[in-house]
PDB file of all heavy atoms in Angstrom:
ATOM      1  N   TYR A   1       5.915   1.554  -7.889  1.00  0.00           N
ATOM      2  CA  TYR A   1       4.805   1.944  -7.115  1.00  0.00           C
ATOM      3  C   TYR A   1       3.852   0.813  -6.861  1.00  0.00           C
ATOM      4  O   TYR A   1       3.329   0.621  -5.790  1.00  0.00           O
ATOM      5  CB  TYR A   1       4.033   3.093  -7.816  1.00  0.00           C
ATOM      6  CG  TYR A   1       2.820   3.537  -7.061  1.00  0.00           C
ATOM      7  CD1 TYR A   1       2.948   4.402  -5.969  1.00  0.00           C
ATOM      8  CD2 TYR A   1       1.561   3.134  -7.420  1.00  0.00           C
ATOM      9  CE1 TYR A   1       1.825   4.823  -5.279  1.00  0.00           C
ATOM     10  CE2 TYR A   1       0.438   3.535  -6.688  1.00  0.00           C
ATOM     11  CZ  TYR A   1       0.583   4.351  -5.611  1.00  0.00           C
ATOM     12  OH  TYR A   1      -0.500   4.776  -4.931  1.00  0.00           O
ATOM     13  N   GLY A   2       3.625  -0.030  -7.916  1.00  0.00           N
ATOM     14  CA  GLY A   2       2.725  -1.198  -7.755  1.00  0.00           C
ATOM     15  C   GLY A   2       3.174  -2.138  -6.603  1.00  0.00           C
ATOM     16  O   GLY A   2       2.391  -2.686  -5.901  1.00  0.00           O
ATOM     17  N   ALA A   3       4.520  -2.316  -6.575  1.00  0.00           N
ATOM     18  CA  ALA A   3       5.085  -3.216  -5.568  1.00  0.00           C
ATOM     19  C   ALA A   3       5.090  -2.675  -4.182  1.00  0.00           C
ATOM     20  O   ALA A   3       4.737  -3.266  -3.208  1.00  0.00           O
ATOM     21  CB  ALA A   3       6.486  -3.683  -5.935  1.00  0.00           C
ATOM     22  N   ILE A   4       5.388  -1.365  -4.094  1.00  0.00           N
ATOM     23  CA  ILE A   4       5.511  -0.700  -2.791  1.00  0.00           C
ATOM     24  C   ILE A   4       4.154  -0.343  -2.204  1.00  0.00           C
ATOM     25  O   ILE A   4       3.974  -0.288  -1.001  1.00  0.00           O
ATOM     26  CB  ILE A   4       6.461   0.527  -2.870  1.00  0.00           C
ATOM     27  CG1 ILE A   4       7.834   0.035  -3.277  1.00  0.00           C
ATOM     28  CG2 ILE A   4       6.504   1.288  -1.581  1.00  0.00           C
ATOM     29  CD1 ILE A   4       8.809   1.178  -3.513  1.00  0.00           C
ATOM     30  N   SER A   5       3.180  -0.090  -3.069  1.00  0.00           N
ATOM     31  CA  SER A   5       1.899   0.391  -2.538  1.00  0.00           C
ATOM     32  C   SER A   5       0.947  -0.679  -2.039  1.00  0.00           C
ATOM     33  O   SER A   5      -0.194  -0.357  -1.609  1.00  0.00           O
ATOM     34  CB  SER A   5       1.198   1.180  -3.658  1.00  0.00           C
ATOM     35  OG  SER A   5       0.785   0.329  -4.675  1.00  0.00           O
ATOM     36  N   ALA A   6       1.323  -1.900  -2.079  1.00  0.00           N
ATOM     37  CA  ALA A   6       0.468  -2.973  -1.659  1.00  0.00           C
ATOM     38  C   ALA A   6       0.699  -3.289  -0.157  1.00  0.00           C
ATOM     39  O   ALA A   6       1.831  -3.469   0.265  1.00  0.00           O
ATOM     40  CB  ALA A   6       0.711  -4.244  -2.460  1.00  0.00           C
ATOM     41  N   SER A   7      -0.347  -3.232   0.551  1.00  0.00           N
ATOM     42  CA  SER A   7      -0.305  -3.591   1.987  1.00  0.00           C
ATOM     43  C   SER A   7      -0.229  -5.122   2.099  1.00  0.00           C
ATOM     44  O   SER A   7      -0.830  -5.832   1.280  1.00  0.00           O
ATOM     45  CB  SER A   7      -1.561  -3.065   2.705  1.00  0.00           C
ATOM     46  OG  SER A   7      -1.609  -3.615   4.041  1.00  0.00           O
ATOM     47  N   TRP A   8       0.520  -5.610   3.099  1.00  0.00           N
ATOM     48  CA  TRP A   8       0.581  -7.071   3.289  1.00  0.00           C
ATOM     49  C   TRP A   8      -0.548  -7.632   4.117  1.00  0.00           C
ATOM     50  O   TRP A   8      -0.632  -8.821   4.348  1.00  0.00           O
ATOM     51  CB  TRP A   8       1.917  -7.352   3.973  1.00  0.00           C
ATOM     52  CG  TRP A   8       3.018  -7.372   2.906  1.00  0.00           C
ATOM     53  CD1 TRP A   8       3.455  -6.310   2.180  1.00  0.00           C
ATOM     54  CD2 TRP A   8       3.831  -8.477   2.573  1.00  0.00           C
ATOM     55  NE1 TRP A   8       4.483  -6.685   1.325  1.00  0.00           N
ATOM     56  CE2 TRP A   8       4.665  -8.044   1.570  1.00  0.00           C
ATOM     57  CE3 TRP A   8       3.899  -9.787   2.927  1.00  0.00           C
ATOM     58  CZ2 TRP A   8       5.587  -8.826   0.950  1.00  0.00           C
ATOM     59  CZ3 TRP A   8       4.804 -10.614   2.354  1.00  0.00           C
ATOM     60  CH2 TRP A   8       5.750 -10.144   1.392  1.00  0.00           C
ATOM     61  N   ASP A   9      -1.436  -6.778   4.537  1.00  0.00           N
ATOM     62  CA  ASP A   9      -2.679  -7.236   5.167  1.00  0.00           C
ATOM     63  C   ASP A   9      -3.645  -7.735   4.051  1.00  0.00           C
ATOM     64  O   ASP A   9      -3.821  -7.044   3.058  1.00  0.00           O
ATOM     65  CB  ASP A   9      -3.387  -6.158   5.960  1.00  0.00           C
ATOM     66  CG  ASP A   9      -2.523  -5.697   7.149  1.00  0.00           C
ATOM     67  OD1 ASP A   9      -1.752  -6.517   7.620  1.00  0.00           O
ATOM     68  OD2 ASP A   9      -2.706  -4.520   7.551  1.00  0.00           O
ATOM     69  N   GLU A  10      -4.176  -8.908   4.234  1.00  0.00           N
ATOM     70  CA  GLU A  10      -4.987  -9.497   3.141  1.00  0.00           C
ATOM     71  C   GLU A  10      -6.266  -8.746   2.911  1.00  0.00           C
ATOM     72  O   GLU A  10      -6.764  -8.644   1.848  1.00  0.00           O
ATOM     73  CB  GLU A  10      -5.282 -10.960   3.444  1.00  0.00           C
ATOM     74  CG  GLU A  10      -4.074 -11.831   3.388  1.00  0.00           C
ATOM     75  CD  GLU A  10      -4.423 -13.289   3.475  1.00  0.00           C
ATOM     76  OE1 GLU A  10      -5.455 -13.660   3.068  1.00  0.00           O
ATOM     77  OE2 GLU A  10      -3.606 -14.047   4.025  1.00  0.00           O
ATOM     78  N   GLU A  11      -6.827  -8.144   4.009  1.00  0.00           N
ATOM     79  CA  GLU A  11      -8.086  -7.417   3.830  1.00  0.00           C
ATOM     80  C   GLU A  11      -7.881  -5.939   3.553  1.00  0.00           C
ATOM     81  O   GLU A  11      -8.790  -5.325   2.994  1.00  0.00           O
ATOM     82  CB  GLU A  11      -8.900  -7.541   5.158  1.00  0.00           C
ATOM     83  CG  GLU A  11      -9.179  -9.012   5.486  1.00  0.00           C
ATOM     84  CD  GLU A  11      -9.970  -9.700   4.402  1.00  0.00           C
ATOM     85  OE1 GLU A  11     -10.885  -9.124   3.803  1.00  0.00           O
ATOM     86  OE2 GLU A  11      -9.656 -10.921   4.157  1.00  0.00           O
ATOM     87  N   ALA A  12      -6.767  -5.379   3.899  1.00  0.00           N
ATOM     88  CA  ALA A  12      -6.547  -3.913   3.832  1.00  0.00           C
ATOM     89  C   ALA A  12      -6.102  -3.501   2.347  1.00  0.00           C
ATOM     90  O   ALA A  12      -5.758  -4.385   1.589  1.00  0.00           O
ATOM     91  CB  ALA A  12      -5.474  -3.476   4.771  1.00  0.00           C
ATOM     92  N   GLY A  13      -6.209  -2.259   2.120  1.00  0.00           N
ATOM     93  CA  GLY A  13      -5.741  -1.728   0.833  1.00  0.00           C
ATOM     94  C   GLY A  13      -6.845  -1.130   0.037  1.00  0.00           C
ATOM     95  O   GLY A  13      -7.847  -1.700  -0.280  1.00  0.00           O
ATOM     96  N   GLY A  14      -6.619   0.164  -0.255  1.00  0.00           N
ATOM     97  CA  GLY A  14      -7.526   0.845  -1.171  1.00  0.00           C
ATOM     98  C   GLY A  14      -7.254   0.560  -2.614  1.00  0.00           C
ATOM     99  O   GLY A  14      -6.380  -0.226  -2.965  1.00  0.00           O
ATOM    100  N   SER A  15      -7.996   1.268  -3.527  1.00  0.00           N
ATOM    101  CA  SER A  15      -7.816   0.940  -4.930  1.00  0.00           C
ATOM    102  C   SER A  15      -6.529   1.506  -5.435  1.00  0.00           C
ATOM    103  O   SER A  15      -5.895   0.917  -6.308  1.00  0.00           O
ATOM    104  CB  SER A  15      -8.971   1.495  -5.740  1.00  0.00           C
ATOM    105  OG  SER A  15      -9.089   2.899  -5.532  1.00  0.00           O
ATOM    106  N   LEU A  16      -6.075   2.674  -4.972  1.00  0.00           N
ATOM    107  CA  LEU A  16      -4.854   3.278  -5.410  1.00  0.00           C
ATOM    108  C   LEU A  16      -3.674   2.962  -4.521  1.00  0.00           C
ATOM    109  O   LEU A  16      -2.522   2.944  -4.994  1.00  0.00           O
ATOM    110  CB  LEU A  16      -4.976   4.765  -5.609  1.00  0.00           C
ATOM    111  CG  LEU A  16      -5.944   5.291  -6.689  1.00  0.00           C
ATOM    112  CD1 LEU A  16      -6.008   6.783  -6.678  1.00  0.00           C
ATOM    113  CD2 LEU A  16      -5.525   4.723  -8.024  1.00  0.00           C
ATOM    114  N   GLY A  17      -3.939   2.724  -3.237  1.00  0.00           N
ATOM    115  CA  GLY A  17      -2.876   2.396  -2.332  1.00  0.00           C
ATOM    116  C   GLY A  17      -1.923   3.470  -1.906  1.00  0.00           C
ATOM    117  O   GLY A  17      -0.766   3.240  -1.575  1.00  0.00           O
ATOM    118  N   TRP A  18      -2.339   4.719  -1.950  1.00  0.00           N
ATOM    119  CA  TRP A  18      -1.493   5.861  -1.609  1.00  0.00           C
ATOM    120  C   TRP A  18      -1.056   5.828  -0.131  1.00  0.00           C
ATOM    121  O   TRP A  18       0.116   6.079   0.178  1.00  0.00           O
ATOM    122  CB  TRP A  18      -2.101   7.191  -1.887  1.00  0.00           C
ATOM    123  CG  TRP A  18      -1.213   8.293  -1.606  1.00  0.00           C
ATOM    124  CD1 TRP A  18      -1.285   9.270  -0.610  1.00  0.00           C
ATOM    125  CD2 TRP A  18      -0.011   8.647  -2.363  1.00  0.00           C
ATOM    126  NE1 TRP A  18      -0.256  10.134  -0.672  1.00  0.00           N
ATOM    127  CE2 TRP A  18       0.588   9.760  -1.761  1.00  0.00           C
ATOM    128  CE3 TRP A  18       0.621   8.111  -3.465  1.00  0.00           C
ATOM    129  CZ2 TRP A  18       1.784  10.389  -2.224  1.00  0.00           C
ATOM    130  CZ3 TRP A  18       1.810   8.662  -3.913  1.00  0.00           C
ATOM    131  CH2 TRP A  18       2.323   9.789  -3.276  1.00  0.00           C
ATOM    132  N   SER A  19      -1.960   5.505   0.804  1.00  0.00           N
ATOM    133  CA  SER A  19      -1.607   5.470   2.202  1.00  0.00           C
ATOM    134  C   SER A  19      -0.593   4.323   2.463  1.00  0.00           C
ATOM    135  O   SER A  19       0.347   4.496   3.261  1.00  0.00           O
ATOM    136  CB  SER A  19      -2.814   5.294   3.086  1.00  0.00           C
ATOM    137  OG  SER A  19      -3.477   4.116   2.836  1.00  0.00           O
ATOM    138  N   GLU A  20      -0.762   3.180   1.805  1.00  0.00           N
ATOM    139  CA  GLU A  20       0.208   2.088   1.968  1.00  0.00           C
ATOM    140  C   GLU A  20       1.563   2.436   1.386  1.00  0.00           C
ATOM    141  O   GLU A  20       2.594   2.075   1.921  1.00  0.00           O
ATOM    142  CB  GLU A  20      -0.325   0.806   1.321  1.00  0.00           C
ATOM    143  CG  GLU A  20      -1.521   0.161   1.989  1.00  0.00           C
ATOM    144  CD  GLU A  20      -2.838   0.719   1.483  1.00  0.00           C
ATOM    145  OE1 GLU A  20      -2.799   1.588   0.580  1.00  0.00           O
ATOM    146  OE2 GLU A  20      -3.905   0.275   1.876  1.00  0.00           O
ATOM    147  N   PHE A  21       1.527   3.173   0.260  1.00  0.00           N
ATOM    148  CA  PHE A  21       2.788   3.602  -0.333  1.00  0.00           C
ATOM    149  C   PHE A  21       3.578   4.482   0.572  1.00  0.00           C
ATOM    150  O   PHE A  21       4.787   4.305   0.785  1.00  0.00           O
ATOM    151  CB  PHE A  21       2.488   4.333  -1.682  1.00  0.00           C
ATOM    152  CG  PHE A  21       3.723   4.860  -2.305  1.00  0.00           C
ATOM    153  CD1 PHE A  21       4.630   4.045  -2.977  1.00  0.00           C
ATOM    154  CD2 PHE A  21       3.995   6.261  -2.316  1.00  0.00           C
ATOM    155  CE1 PHE A  21       5.759   4.542  -3.626  1.00  0.00           C
ATOM    156  CE2 PHE A  21       5.159   6.736  -2.870  1.00  0.00           C
ATOM    157  CZ  PHE A  21       6.015   5.913  -3.575  1.00  0.00           C
ATOM    158  N   THR A  22       2.925   5.494   1.155  1.00  0.00           N
ATOM    159  CA  THR A  22       3.576   6.412   2.068  1.00  0.00           C
ATOM    160  C   THR A  22       4.176   5.649   3.267  1.00  0.00           C
ATOM    161  O   THR A  22       5.278   5.922   3.699  1.00  0.00           O
ATOM    162  CB  THR A  22       2.712   7.595   2.463  1.00  0.00           C
ATOM    163  OG1 THR A  22       1.508   7.062   3.034  1.00  0.00           O
ATOM    164  CG2 THR A  22       2.375   8.464   1.287  1.00  0.00           C
ATOM    165  N   THR A  23       3.368   4.732   3.798  1.00  0.00           N
ATOM    166  CA  THR A  23       3.777   3.942   4.950  1.00  0.00           C
ATOM    167  C   THR A  23       5.013   3.094   4.597  1.00  0.00           C
ATOM    168  O   THR A  23       6.034   3.092   5.297  1.00  0.00           O
ATOM    169  CB  THR A  23       2.664   3.031   5.441  1.00  0.00           C
ATOM    170  OG1 THR A  23       1.580   3.806   5.808  1.00  0.00           O
ATOM    171  CG2 THR A  23       3.135   2.205   6.646  1.00  0.00           C
ATOM    172  N   ASN A  24       4.966   2.343   3.523  1.00  0.00           N
ATOM    173  CA  ASN A  24       6.088   1.472   3.082  1.00  0.00           C
ATOM    174  C   ASN A  24       7.311   2.279   2.720  1.00  0.00           C
ATOM    175  O   ASN A  24       8.408   1.811   2.963  1.00  0.00           O
ATOM    176  CB  ASN A  24       5.609   0.574   1.973  1.00  0.00           C
ATOM    177  CG  ASN A  24       4.621  -0.446   2.424  1.00  0.00           C
ATOM    178  OD1 ASN A  24       4.523  -0.760   3.617  1.00  0.00           O
ATOM    179  ND2 ASN A  24       3.846  -0.982   1.506  1.00  0.00           N
ATOM    180  N   LEU A  25       7.122   3.392   2.061  1.00  0.00           N
ATOM    181  CA  LEU A  25       8.249   4.266   1.704  1.00  0.00           C
ATOM    182  C   LEU A  25       8.941   4.798   2.891  1.00  0.00           C
ATOM    183  O   LEU A  25      10.190   4.812   2.962  1.00  0.00           O
ATOM    184  CB  LEU A  25       7.846   5.399   0.763  1.00  0.00           C
ATOM    185  CG  LEU A  25       8.922   6.222   0.149  1.00  0.00           C
ATOM    186  CD1 LEU A  25       9.749   5.357  -0.807  1.00  0.00           C
ATOM    187  CD2 LEU A  25       8.354   7.394  -0.634  1.00  0.00           C
ATOM    188  N   GLY A  26       8.145   5.175   3.890  1.00  0.00           N
ATOM    189  CA  GLY A  26       8.757   5.633   5.158  1.00  0.00           C
ATOM    190  C   GLY A  26       9.541   4.521   5.862  1.00  0.00           C
ATOM    191  O   GLY A  26      10.646   4.787   6.413  1.00  0.00           O
TER     192      GLY A  26
END
């Protein structure tokens, strides 16, 4: 989860990264 939930945008990303996780998992 820690690896998949990180957005590759330097500025983006919440504290938990749930939206990035769902995007990357998709």
